[in-house]
């Protein structure tokens, strides 16, 4: 299982290789606990966990239903925004310490719909709440 972790205002996003252990929740399930969202799918090898106060409420109020956007649409925005995210993470003297850790997101990896969907909405939320633009594509919920 590979994991993508997202923390508030200092996102630690790592894709970590694990053993072939598949003790995760059912496909497309979300678990929330104190504004922690965990998305996992038995059929893919990646998961995303988001720790950010306020994201869950914002997500519930603004997210379009699953399937509204294609996976290709989500991937294109995620690639664009992750580049901007990582640029800010690598140069805190220029951009400040709002983003401290890079996201390890590969354009050649199929993370599946759920991971891309949640990463898209977290990056959208982050840009809107912090009034910044991470890439060339403007965020909209």
Foldseek 3Di string as FASTA:
>chain_A
DWEFEQEALAGAGDTDDDPPDQPDDDAQDWDDDQQWTKHDYSVFDYIYIHHYPPLVVVCVVFPDDQPPDDQVVLLVVLVFLLVLLVVCLVCCVVNNSSYPHHHPDDSPDPRDRNRSSVSLSVSLVVCVVVVHDRGDDHRDD
